[in-house]
């Protein structure tokens, strides 16, 4: 039997559908097909139903819209909540430019699911920011971000890093500075703090491109440290070579007030290399075996430091890549990494320090996702307030999606990367059917995948049932969410509770 013969006719004999003048008939591999249009509410984003329920229960975006510092008096102005939801949807479906919201503007089913008459266009967010100053925008966006602090673990590590966002044209605050991708191009150099193992971005500090990693770190840390949930739960700040500076470490060592501890990587400057050379051979732990690590620790006072600090050195004897002038197999060379910390010896041994810093690699995945899968370095306009507002909304959407996928995940407590999570929970072909007061969403998925999806939706529904927004504060909702999705700790260190 041919494939075309197995198709079931939708019309009785003698009642074949009369083709419309706009219909097109094509002779395909299985036979003839007719192409036509339909008024049915179809969407490629059927997974947004669960996302809409999640956002409604938290209410974070709605409360953010209510606190907007700009009063919109024009009858033609779009409501703030619709502008925020429209931009969040664009970021959610991997939009990297303001114009990418056009992917969604012709989707009536999507607008129905998100309780909007239509998805707002690319000019909606820049118009909203037209009457704002940068300070007003930052104060406005700070509140929804701090609400998410309640979802943090009881004790967590803060990973600090900066990223270079290349700019083209004439954008405010764009400046010439370190740019490894486009040398000679202006850029912005934002500073971001990420809670380790949670994929939650805690803070964003917008900076011009002529800054370095640690520029404005202390004001950013002071803002973060001013919130009680951070003071109670943050026990370690971790960063790469850009943060091992005297001013940053001195902030942690101030007397009279409990501060988090620190672990930073040091640059291999000439003074650091001389300190490594002075380490006696008996202090090195481990044999100098090819491919194996040797560890040592000492105290060092580098130029510009006001005191000696604990330093852990890790070196690995590894083969070197031969040069054309060398023989085929070159002589081995040392790969060296140096870490400075105020963790005491009874709190963490040298091998534990090295392992603790190595786990920072997961945070690099967060930056890779933000820049390449969430459009964090895109959505740029000439005015700095528009560019930074878009970046902060991307981070807010990313945080909410991280919590959503942690709750919905096929492995509860372990959020998937954005590429996989979107395919699992967002990009689901569906039809929205409205009949009377009932709305039905029909997902076009196979029966096997529907069983897995149904288990994910049951976890979401359980959380919705067990929490009541009208009776509980947002912090309690998020704490319940964190308890429901907390994965077993991977940290090998058993640290005492912070004072």
Protein backbone atom coordinates (compact mmCIF):
# COMPACT_ATOMS: atom_id res chain seq x y z
CA UNK A 1 0.00 0.00 0.00
CA UNK A 2 1.36 3.39 -0.94
CA UNK A 3 1.78 6.04 1.78
CA UNK A 4 -0.81 8.28 0.16
CA UNK A 5 -3.39 5.48 0.19
CA UNK A 6 -3.13 5.21 3.99
CA UNK A 7 -4.40 8.77 4.53
CA UNK A 8 -7.96 8.93 5.86
CA UNK A 9 -10.36 11.22 4.00
CA UNK A 10 -11.97 13.92 6.12
CA UNK A 11 -15.01 14.22 3.83
CA UNK A 12 -17.74 11.80 2.87
CA UNK A 13 -17.92 10.49 -0.69
CA UNK A 14 -19.31 13.15 -2.94
CA UNK A 15 -18.41 15.89 -0.44
CA UNK A 16 -14.79 16.47 -1.40
CA UNK A 17 -13.41 19.83 -0.38
CA UNK A 18 -13.63 22.41 -3.14
CA UNK A 19 -10.18 23.92 -3.59
CA UNK A 20 -9.86 27.64 -2.97
CA UNK A 21 -8.28 29.88 -5.59
CA UNK A 22 -5.54 30.60 -3.03
CA UNK A 23 -4.73 26.91 -2.49
CA UNK A 24 -1.59 25.42 -3.96
CA UNK A 25 -1.18 21.79 -4.99
CA UNK A 26 2.26 20.19 -5.04
CA UNK A 27 3.24 16.73 -6.22
CA UNK A 28 5.47 15.44 -3.40
CA UNK A 29 7.20 12.14 -2.70
CA UNK A 30 4.11 10.44 -1.18
CA UNK A 31 1.72 12.10 -3.60
CA UNK A 32 -0.19 15.33 -4.08
CA UNK A 33 -0.61 17.74 -1.17
CA UNK A 34 -2.65 20.93 -1.02
CA UNK A 35 -1.26 23.95 0.79
CA UNK A 36 -3.78 26.35 2.32
CA UNK A 37 -4.13 28.72 5.24
CA UNK A 38 -6.10 28.34 8.45
CA UNK A 39 -7.47 30.63 11.14
CA UNK A 40 -6.79 28.03 13.84
CA UNK A 41 -4.68 29.25 16.78
CA UNK A 42 -1.48 27.31 16.15
CA UNK A 43 1.86 27.93 17.83
CA UNK A 44 5.34 26.48 17.87
CA UNK A 45 5.69 27.30 21.57
CA UNK A 46 3.13 25.05 23.27
CA UNK A 47 5.35 24.78 26.35
CA UNK A 48 4.56 28.40 27.25
CA UNK A 49 1.38 27.25 29.00
CA UNK A 50 3.43 25.86 31.91
CA UNK A 51 5.71 28.91 31.80
CA UNK A 52 2.69 31.23 31.99
CA UNK A 53 1.36 29.35 35.04
CA UNK A 54 4.79 29.61 36.71
CA UNK A 55 5.03 33.37 36.12
CA UNK A 56 1.48 34.01 37.28
CA UNK A 57 2.10 32.17 40.53
CA UNK A 58 5.27 34.12 41.28
CA UNK A 59 3.90 37.45 40.06
CA UNK A 60 7.37 38.98 39.81
CA UNK A 61 6.93 40.60 36.40
CA UNK A 62 3.49 41.97 37.31
CA UNK A 63 4.85 43.60 40.46
CA UNK A 64 7.79 44.96 38.47
CA UNK A 65 5.36 46.55 36.01
CA UNK A 66 3.41 48.17 38.84
CA UNK A 67 6.57 49.84 40.15
CA UNK A 68 7.63 51.29 36.80
CA UNK A 69 9.02 54.81 37.40
CA UNK A 70 7.57 56.11 34.12
CA UNK A 71 3.91 57.14 34.14
CA UNK A 72 2.36 56.33 30.78
CA UNK A 73 -0.54 58.66 30.08
CA UNK A 74 -1.05 58.17 26.37
CA UNK A 75 -4.08 56.01 25.51
CA UNK A 76 -1.99 54.39 22.77
CA UNK A 77 0.89 53.46 25.08
CA UNK A 78 1.33 49.72 25.61
CA UNK A 79 0.83 48.51 29.21
CA UNK A 80 4.15 48.00 30.96
CA UNK A 81 3.47 44.34 31.80
CA UNK A 82 2.87 43.57 28.11
CA UNK A 83 6.11 45.29 27.13
CA UNK A 84 8.06 43.30 29.73
CA UNK A 85 6.42 40.00 28.81
CA UNK A 86 7.01 40.62 25.11
CA UNK A 87 10.71 41.26 25.59
CA UNK A 88 11.05 38.31 27.97
CA UNK A 89 9.43 36.06 25.35
CA UNK A 90 11.89 37.30 22.73
CA UNK A 91 14.83 36.46 25.01
CA UNK A 92 13.24 33.11 25.86
CA UNK A 93 13.08 31.98 22.23
CA UNK A 94 16.74 32.92 21.66
CA UNK A 95 16.18 36.42 20.31
CA UNK A 96 19.47 38.32 20.20
CA UNK A 97 18.27 41.62 18.75
CA UNK A 98 15.28 43.84 19.43
CA UNK A 99 14.00 43.03 15.95
CA UNK A 100 13.84 39.31 16.77
CA UNK A 101 10.57 39.88 18.60
CA UNK A 102 9.06 39.83 15.11
CA UNK A 103 9.30 36.05 15.30
CA UNK A 104 6.42 36.19 17.78
CA UNK A 105 4.24 39.11 16.74
CA UNK A 106 2.15 37.03 14.30
CA UNK A 107 1.47 34.22 16.77
CA UNK A 108 -2.09 34.73 18.15
CA UNK A 109 -1.95 31.57 20.26
CA UNK A 110 1.16 32.80 22.07
CA UNK A 111 -0.50 36.10 22.92
CA UNK A 112 -3.58 34.24 24.24
CA UNK A 113 -1.48 32.03 26.50
CA UNK A 114 0.36 35.07 27.95
CA UNK A 115 -2.88 37.10 28.45
CA UNK A 116 -2.04 39.75 25.87
CA UNK A 117 -3.92 41.06 22.89
CA UNK A 118 -0.69 40.84 20.89
CA UNK A 119 3.05 40.66 21.35
CA UNK A 120 4.55 44.15 21.32
CA UNK A 121 7.10 45.11 18.68
CA UNK A 122 10.78 45.94 18.77
CA UNK A 123 10.28 49.63 19.63
CA UNK A 124 8.18 48.97 22.75
CA UNK A 125 11.01 48.60 25.28
CA UNK A 126 13.09 51.55 23.97
CA UNK A 127 9.99 53.73 24.17
CA UNK A 128 9.37 52.58 27.74
CA UNK A 129 12.91 53.57 28.71
CA UNK A 130 12.66 56.94 26.98
CA UNK A 131 11.72 58.83 30.13
CA UNK A 132 14.11 57.00 32.50
CA UNK A 133 17.53 57.83 33.79
CA UNK A 134 20.07 55.09 34.35
CA UNK A 135 19.70 55.46 38.13
CA UNK A 136 15.89 55.16 37.95
CA UNK A 137 16.18 52.09 35.76
CA UNK A 138 18.65 50.40 38.12
CA UNK A 139 16.52 51.11 41.18
CA UNK A 140 13.47 49.77 39.35
CA UNK A 141 15.10 46.53 38.19
CA UNK A 142 16.78 45.88 41.52
CA UNK A 143 13.56 44.82 43.27
CA UNK A 144 12.57 41.84 41.05
CA UNK A 145 16.17 40.65 41.13
CA UNK A 146 16.40 40.73 44.93
CA UNK A 147 13.14 38.78 45.26
CA UNK A 148 14.94 35.79 43.76
CA UNK A 149 17.52 35.79 46.57
CA UNK A 150 15.04 33.77 48.63
CA UNK A 151 15.62 30.79 46.30
CA UNK A 152 19.34 30.63 47.11
CA UNK A 153 20.77 27.66 49.05
CA UNK A 154 21.43 28.05 52.74
CA UNK A 155 25.15 28.46 51.97
CA UNK A 156 26.49 29.32 48.56
CA UNK A 157 29.59 30.54 46.71
CA UNK A 158 29.52 33.73 44.64
CA UNK A 159 31.48 33.58 41.39
CA UNK A 160 32.52 36.95 39.98
CA UNK A 161 33.49 37.52 36.37
CA UNK A 162 33.31 40.15 33.67
CA UNK A 163 32.58 39.84 29.98
CA UNK A 164 33.29 41.96 26.93
CA UNK A 165 30.30 42.97 24.80
CA UNK A 166 31.56 44.43 21.52
CA UNK A 167 29.65 47.44 20.21
CA UNK A 168 29.40 48.83 16.70
CA UNK A 169 28.48 52.43 15.99
CA UNK A 170 28.06 55.17 18.59
CA UNK A 171 26.62 53.79 21.83
CA UNK A 172 26.74 55.61 25.16
CA UNK A 173 29.41 54.37 27.60
CA UNK A 174 31.07 52.24 24.91
CA UNK A 175 34.83 52.72 25.13
CA UNK A 176 38.09 51.28 23.84
CA UNK A 177 39.60 48.69 26.12
CA UNK A 178 40.56 45.05 26.34
CA UNK A 179 38.67 43.23 23.59
CA UNK A 180 40.05 39.78 22.68
CA UNK A 181 37.47 39.19 19.94
CA UNK A 182 37.46 42.50 18.05
CA UNK A 183 40.62 44.43 18.74
CA UNK A 184 40.22 48.15 18.33
CA UNK A 185 36.44 48.00 18.70
CA UNK A 186 34.57 49.77 21.47
CA UNK A 187 32.78 47.66 24.02
CA UNK A 188 30.87 47.48 27.27
CA UNK A 189 32.46 45.50 30.11
CA UNK A 190 29.71 44.43 32.58
CA UNK A 191 30.55 42.76 35.87
CA UNK A 192 28.30 39.83 36.86
CA UNK A 193 27.96 37.77 40.04
CA UNK A 194 26.62 34.20 39.74
CA UNK A 195 25.64 31.88 42.59
CA UNK A 196 27.62 28.68 42.04
CA UNK A 197 25.68 25.55 41.08
CA UNK A 198 22.38 27.43 40.88
CA UNK A 199 22.67 29.25 37.50
CA UNK A 200 21.23 32.34 39.20
CA UNK A 201 22.76 35.71 38.32
CA UNK A 202 22.71 37.79 41.50
CA UNK A 203 24.02 41.15 40.36
CA UNK A 204 24.94 43.13 37.25
CA UNK A 205 27.16 46.17 37.28
CA UNK A 206 27.18 48.05 33.98
CA UNK A 207 30.59 49.48 33.05
CA UNK A 208 32.27 51.04 30.00
CA UNK A 209 34.76 49.07 27.95
CA UNK A 210 37.91 50.75 29.32
CA UNK A 211 37.60 49.05 32.72
CA UNK A 212 39.26 45.91 34.10
CA UNK A 213 37.71 42.97 35.93
CA UNK A 214 37.94 44.41 39.45
CA UNK A 215 36.82 47.95 38.55
CA UNK A 216 33.82 48.94 40.71
CA UNK A 217 33.87 45.53 42.38
CA UNK A 218 33.61 46.99 45.87
CA UNK A 219 30.49 49.14 45.16
CA UNK A 220 28.88 46.11 43.51
CA UNK A 221 29.73 43.91 46.49
CA UNK A 222 28.43 46.50 48.93
CA UNK A 223 25.08 46.58 47.11
CA UNK A 224 24.87 42.80 47.19
CA UNK A 225 26.05 42.56 50.80
CA UNK A 226 23.34 44.99 51.94
CA UNK A 227 20.62 42.35 51.50
CA UNK A 228 19.98 40.08 54.53
CA UNK A 229 19.63 36.81 52.51
CA UNK A 230 23.08 37.41 51.04
CA UNK A 231 24.64 38.22 54.41
CA UNK A 232 23.20 35.05 55.92
CA UNK A 233 24.12 32.63 53.13
CA UNK A 234 27.19 33.84 51.22
CA UNK A 235 30.38 32.31 52.67
CA UNK A 236 32.91 32.56 49.81
CA UNK A 237 33.71 34.91 46.94
CA UNK A 238 35.55 33.27 44.05
CA UNK A 239 37.14 34.87 40.99
CA UNK A 240 39.85 34.61 38.36
CA UNK A 241 43.12 36.51 38.03
CA UNK A 242 41.40 39.88 37.64
CA UNK A 243 40.21 39.89 41.26
CA UNK A 244 43.38 38.94 43.16
CA UNK A 245 44.08 42.58 44.07
CA UNK A 246 44.84 44.24 47.37
CA UNK A 247 41.65 46.35 47.52
CA UNK A 248 39.40 43.33 46.87
CA UNK A 249 41.12 41.10 49.42
CA UNK A 250 41.33 43.89 52.02
CA UNK A 251 37.53 44.29 51.85
CA UNK A 252 37.13 40.68 52.99
CA UNK A 253 39.68 41.07 55.78
CA UNK A 254 38.17 44.10 57.49
CA UNK A 255 37.90 43.62 61.23
CA UNK A 256 34.80 44.20 63.33
CA UNK A 257 32.27 42.84 60.86
CA UNK A 258 31.80 39.30 59.51
CA UNK A 259 32.66 39.11 55.84
CA UNK A 260 32.70 36.22 53.37
CA UNK A 261 35.98 34.46 52.68
CA UNK A 262 37.71 34.63 49.32
CA UNK A 263 39.52 32.43 46.81
CA UNK A 264 41.14 34.09 43.79
CA UNK A 265 43.62 33.03 41.14
CA UNK A 266 46.85 35.02 40.81
CA UNK A 267 48.59 36.12 37.65
CA UNK A 268 52.00 34.54 37.08
CA UNK A 269 53.93 37.79 37.45
CA UNK A 270 57.67 37.85 38.01
CA UNK A 271 57.15 38.30 41.76
CA UNK A 272 54.81 35.29 41.88
CA UNK A 273 57.32 33.19 39.93
CA UNK A 274 60.09 34.16 42.35
CA UNK A 275 57.86 33.13 45.25
CA UNK A 276 57.27 29.75 43.59
CA UNK A 277 61.02 29.26 43.09
CA UNK A 278 61.64 29.81 46.80
CA UNK A 279 59.37 26.94 47.86
CA UNK A 280 61.67 24.18 49.25
CA UNK A 281 61.47 20.83 47.50
CA UNK A 282 60.25 18.89 50.61
CA UNK A 283 57.11 21.11 50.78
CA UNK A 284 55.82 19.85 47.43
CA UNK A 285 53.19 17.15 47.82
CA UNK A 286 53.20 14.41 45.19
CA UNK A 287 55.87 12.94 42.96
CA UNK A 288 56.87 14.85 39.81
CA UNK A 289 55.17 12.35 37.51
CA UNK A 290 54.27 13.34 33.99
CA UNK A 291 50.61 14.43 33.87
CA UNK A 292 50.17 14.44 37.68
CA UNK A 293 49.75 17.46 39.93
CA UNK A 294 52.10 18.64 42.62
CA UNK A 295 50.85 20.98 45.33
CA UNK A 296 52.56 23.29 47.77
CA UNK A 297 51.53 26.17 49.96
CA UNK A 298 53.35 29.13 51.39
CA UNK A 299 52.75 32.68 52.57
CA UNK A 300 53.60 35.54 50.24
CA UNK A 301 53.59 39.32 50.47
CA UNK A 302 53.63 40.67 46.94
CA UNK A 303 54.38 44.24 45.92
CA UNK A 304 51.43 46.43 46.90
CA UNK A 305 50.08 44.02 49.50
CA UNK A 306 49.87 45.26 53.07
CA UNK A 307 50.23 41.79 54.61
CA UNK A 308 51.28 38.23 53.92
CA UNK A 309 48.60 35.90 52.60
CA UNK A 310 48.18 32.17 52.14
CA UNK A 311 49.06 31.00 48.62
CA UNK A 312 48.48 27.53 47.16
CA UNK A 313 50.54 26.47 44.12
CA UNK A 314 49.51 23.73 41.72
CA UNK A 315 51.89 22.59 39.00
CA UNK A 316 51.52 19.83 36.44
CA UNK A 317 54.41 18.35 34.48
CA UNK A 318 53.03 17.92 30.97
CA UNK A 319 54.41 17.43 27.45
CA UNK A 320 55.06 20.59 25.46
CA UNK A 321 53.89 21.13 21.91
CA UNK A 322 57.03 20.96 19.73
CA UNK A 323 58.06 23.89 17.62
CA UNK A 324 59.45 23.53 14.10
CA UNK A 325 62.94 24.05 15.52
CA UNK A 326 62.52 21.33 18.17
CA UNK A 327 62.57 17.61 17.78
CA UNK A 328 59.33 15.70 17.23
CA UNK A 329 58.83 15.12 20.97
CA UNK A 330 59.72 18.29 22.89
CA UNK A 331 60.86 18.43 26.48
CA UNK A 332 58.15 18.50 29.17
CA UNK A 333 57.17 21.80 30.74
CA UNK A 334 55.36 22.89 33.89
CA UNK A 335 51.80 24.23 33.89
CA UNK A 336 51.40 26.32 37.02
CA UNK A 337 48.34 27.81 38.76
CA UNK A 338 48.52 29.93 41.91
CA UNK A 339 45.62 30.67 44.26
CA UNK A 340 45.37 33.16 47.13
CA UNK A 341 42.81 32.63 49.90
CA UNK A 342 42.04 33.46 53.52
CA UNK A 343 40.69 29.97 54.19
CA UNK A 344 42.66 28.53 57.08
CA UNK A 345 44.62 25.28 56.88
CA UNK A 346 42.15 23.49 59.15
CA UNK A 347 39.31 24.61 56.86
CA UNK A 348 40.75 23.51 53.53
CA UNK A 349 43.86 21.58 52.55
CA UNK A 350 45.80 22.55 49.39
CA UNK A 351 44.18 19.82 47.28
CA UNK A 352 40.76 20.99 48.45
CA UNK A 353 41.60 24.58 47.48
CA UNK A 354 42.55 23.43 43.97
CA UNK A 355 39.37 21.35 43.65
CA UNK A 356 37.20 24.16 44.99
CA UNK A 357 38.51 26.58 42.38
CA UNK A 358 38.22 23.99 39.60
CA UNK A 359 34.46 23.81 40.22
CA UNK A 360 34.26 27.43 39.14
CA UNK A 361 34.30 26.12 35.56
CA UNK A 362 30.52 25.62 35.71
CA UNK A 363 30.09 29.40 35.98
CA UNK A 364 31.84 29.80 32.62
CA UNK A 365 28.97 27.78 31.16
CA UNK A 366 26.56 30.42 32.48
CA UNK A 367 28.43 33.19 30.67
CA UNK A 368 28.56 31.10 27.51
CA UNK A 369 24.79 30.57 27.65
CA UNK A 370 24.04 34.23 28.34
CA UNK A 371 26.13 35.52 25.45
CA UNK A 372 25.45 32.85 22.83
CA UNK A 373 21.98 31.51 23.69
CA UNK A 374 20.24 34.42 25.42
CA UNK A 375 21.40 37.47 23.53
CA UNK A 376 23.05 39.12 26.53
CA UNK A 377 25.56 40.90 24.29
CA UNK A 378 22.89 41.90 21.77
CA UNK A 379 19.78 44.09 22.19
CA UNK A 380 21.87 47.25 21.94
CA UNK A 381 20.65 50.78 21.27
CA UNK A 382 22.41 54.14 21.23
CA UNK A 383 21.16 55.11 24.70
CA UNK A 384 22.92 53.32 27.55
CA UNK A 385 19.73 53.09 29.63
CA UNK A 386 18.01 51.03 26.92
CA UNK A 387 20.96 48.68 26.47
CA UNK A 388 21.36 48.07 30.21
CA UNK A 389 17.62 47.68 30.77
CA UNK A 390 17.54 45.00 28.07
CA UNK A 391 20.55 43.23 29.65
CA UNK A 392 18.93 43.25 33.09
CA UNK A 393 15.67 41.88 31.68
CA UNK A 394 17.63 39.12 29.95
CA UNK A 395 19.22 38.20 33.28
CA UNK A 396 15.83 38.25 35.03
CA UNK A 397 14.32 36.00 32.34
CA UNK A 398 17.34 33.70 32.54
CA UNK A 399 16.98 33.40 36.31
CA UNK A 400 13.26 32.64 36.11
CA UNK A 401 13.85 30.08 33.36
CA UNK A 402 16.60 28.44 35.47
CA UNK A 403 14.16 28.04 38.38
CA UNK A 404 11.45 26.84 36.01
CA UNK A 405 13.62 24.16 34.41
CA UNK A 406 14.96 23.10 37.81
CA UNK A 407 11.37 22.45 38.85
CA UNK A 408 10.29 20.91 35.56
CA UNK A 409 13.49 19.04 34.76
CA UNK A 410 13.44 15.41 33.78
CA UNK A 411 16.08 15.06 36.52
CA UNK A 412 14.61 17.24 39.31
CA UNK A 413 17.07 19.67 40.83
CA UNK A 414 19.39 19.67 37.80
CA UNK A 415 18.49 22.38 35.26
CA UNK A 416 19.35 21.63 31.65
CA UNK A 417 21.28 23.94 29.36
CA UNK A 418 19.15 26.39 27.45
CA UNK A 419 19.52 24.60 24.10
CA UNK A 420 18.18 21.34 25.49
CA UNK A 421 15.61 22.85 27.87
CA UNK A 422 13.99 24.88 25.11
CA UNK A 423 13.55 21.75 22.99
CA UNK A 424 12.16 19.83 25.94
CA UNK A 425 9.78 22.36 27.49
CA UNK A 426 9.23 25.25 25.07
CA UNK A 427 9.41 24.34 21.40
CA UNK A 428 6.31 22.11 21.31
CA UNK A 429 3.92 22.43 18.36
CA UNK A 430 0.42 23.00 19.70
CA UNK A 431 -3.10 24.17 18.92
CA UNK A 432 -5.08 26.43 21.23
CA UNK A 433 -8.81 25.70 21.17
CA UNK A 434 -11.27 28.06 22.86
CA UNK A 435 -14.82 26.86 23.36
CA UNK A 436 -17.09 28.90 25.58
CA UNK A 437 -15.13 29.53 28.77
CA UNK A 438 -12.80 26.60 28.27
CA UNK A 439 -9.34 26.73 26.74
CA UNK A 440 -7.59 23.56 25.60
CA UNK A 441 -4.01 23.32 24.35
CA UNK A 442 -3.31 20.27 22.22
CA UNK A 443 0.39 19.38 22.10
CA UNK A 444 1.59 17.57 19.00
CA UNK A 445 3.99 15.14 20.71
CA UNK A 446 4.42 11.39 20.69
CA UNK A 447 2.81 9.29 23.42
CA UNK A 448 6.17 8.31 24.96
CA UNK A 449 7.34 11.91 25.27
CA UNK A 450 3.93 12.96 26.58
CA UNK A 451 4.34 10.59 29.54
CA UNK A 452 7.62 12.26 30.46
CA UNK A 453 6.16 15.72 29.95
CA UNK A 454 3.17 14.81 32.07
CA UNK A 455 5.46 13.90 34.99
CA UNK A 456 7.16 17.30 34.65
CA UNK A 457 3.81 19.09 34.59
CA UNK A 458 2.71 17.16 37.67
CA UNK A 459 5.71 18.51 39.60
CA UNK A 460 4.75 22.02 38.55
CA UNK A 461 1.13 21.48 39.52
CA UNK A 462 2.16 20.10 42.90
CA UNK A 463 4.16 23.24 43.61
CA UNK A 464 1.24 25.41 42.47
CA UNK A 465 -1.14 23.56 44.78
CA UNK A 466 1.15 23.58 47.82
CA UNK A 467 1.82 27.32 47.65
CA UNK A 468 -0.69 30.14 47.83
CA UNK A 469 0.51 33.57 46.60
CA UNK A 470 -2.34 35.33 48.36
CA UNK A 471 -1.23 33.88 51.72
CA UNK A 472 2.54 33.67 51.33
CA UNK A 473 5.19 36.18 50.43
CA UNK A 474 7.25 35.66 47.32
CA UNK A 475 10.22 34.69 49.46
CA UNK A 476 8.26 31.80 50.98
CA UNK A 477 7.18 30.63 47.51
CA UNK A 478 10.76 30.60 46.31
CA UNK A 479 12.03 28.90 49.47
CA UNK A 480 9.48 26.14 48.94
CA UNK A 481 10.59 25.91 45.33
CA UNK A 482 14.25 25.71 46.38
CA UNK A 483 13.50 22.94 48.91
CA UNK A 484 11.54 20.99 46.32
CA UNK A 485 14.31 21.16 43.73
CA UNK A 486 17.49 21.13 45.84
CA UNK A 487 20.03 18.63 44.60
CA UNK A 488 22.57 16.92 46.89
CA UNK A 489 25.60 19.11 47.48
CA UNK A 490 28.68 18.42 45.41
CA UNK A 491 30.99 20.47 47.58
CA UNK A 492 33.71 18.37 49.16
CA UNK A 493 34.51 20.91 51.86
CA UNK A 494 32.71 20.81 55.15
CA UNK A 495 32.81 24.42 56.21
CA UNK A 496 31.67 25.73 59.58
CA UNK A 497 28.56 27.86 59.55
CA UNK A 498 29.26 31.55 58.97
CA UNK A 499 29.20 33.71 62.07
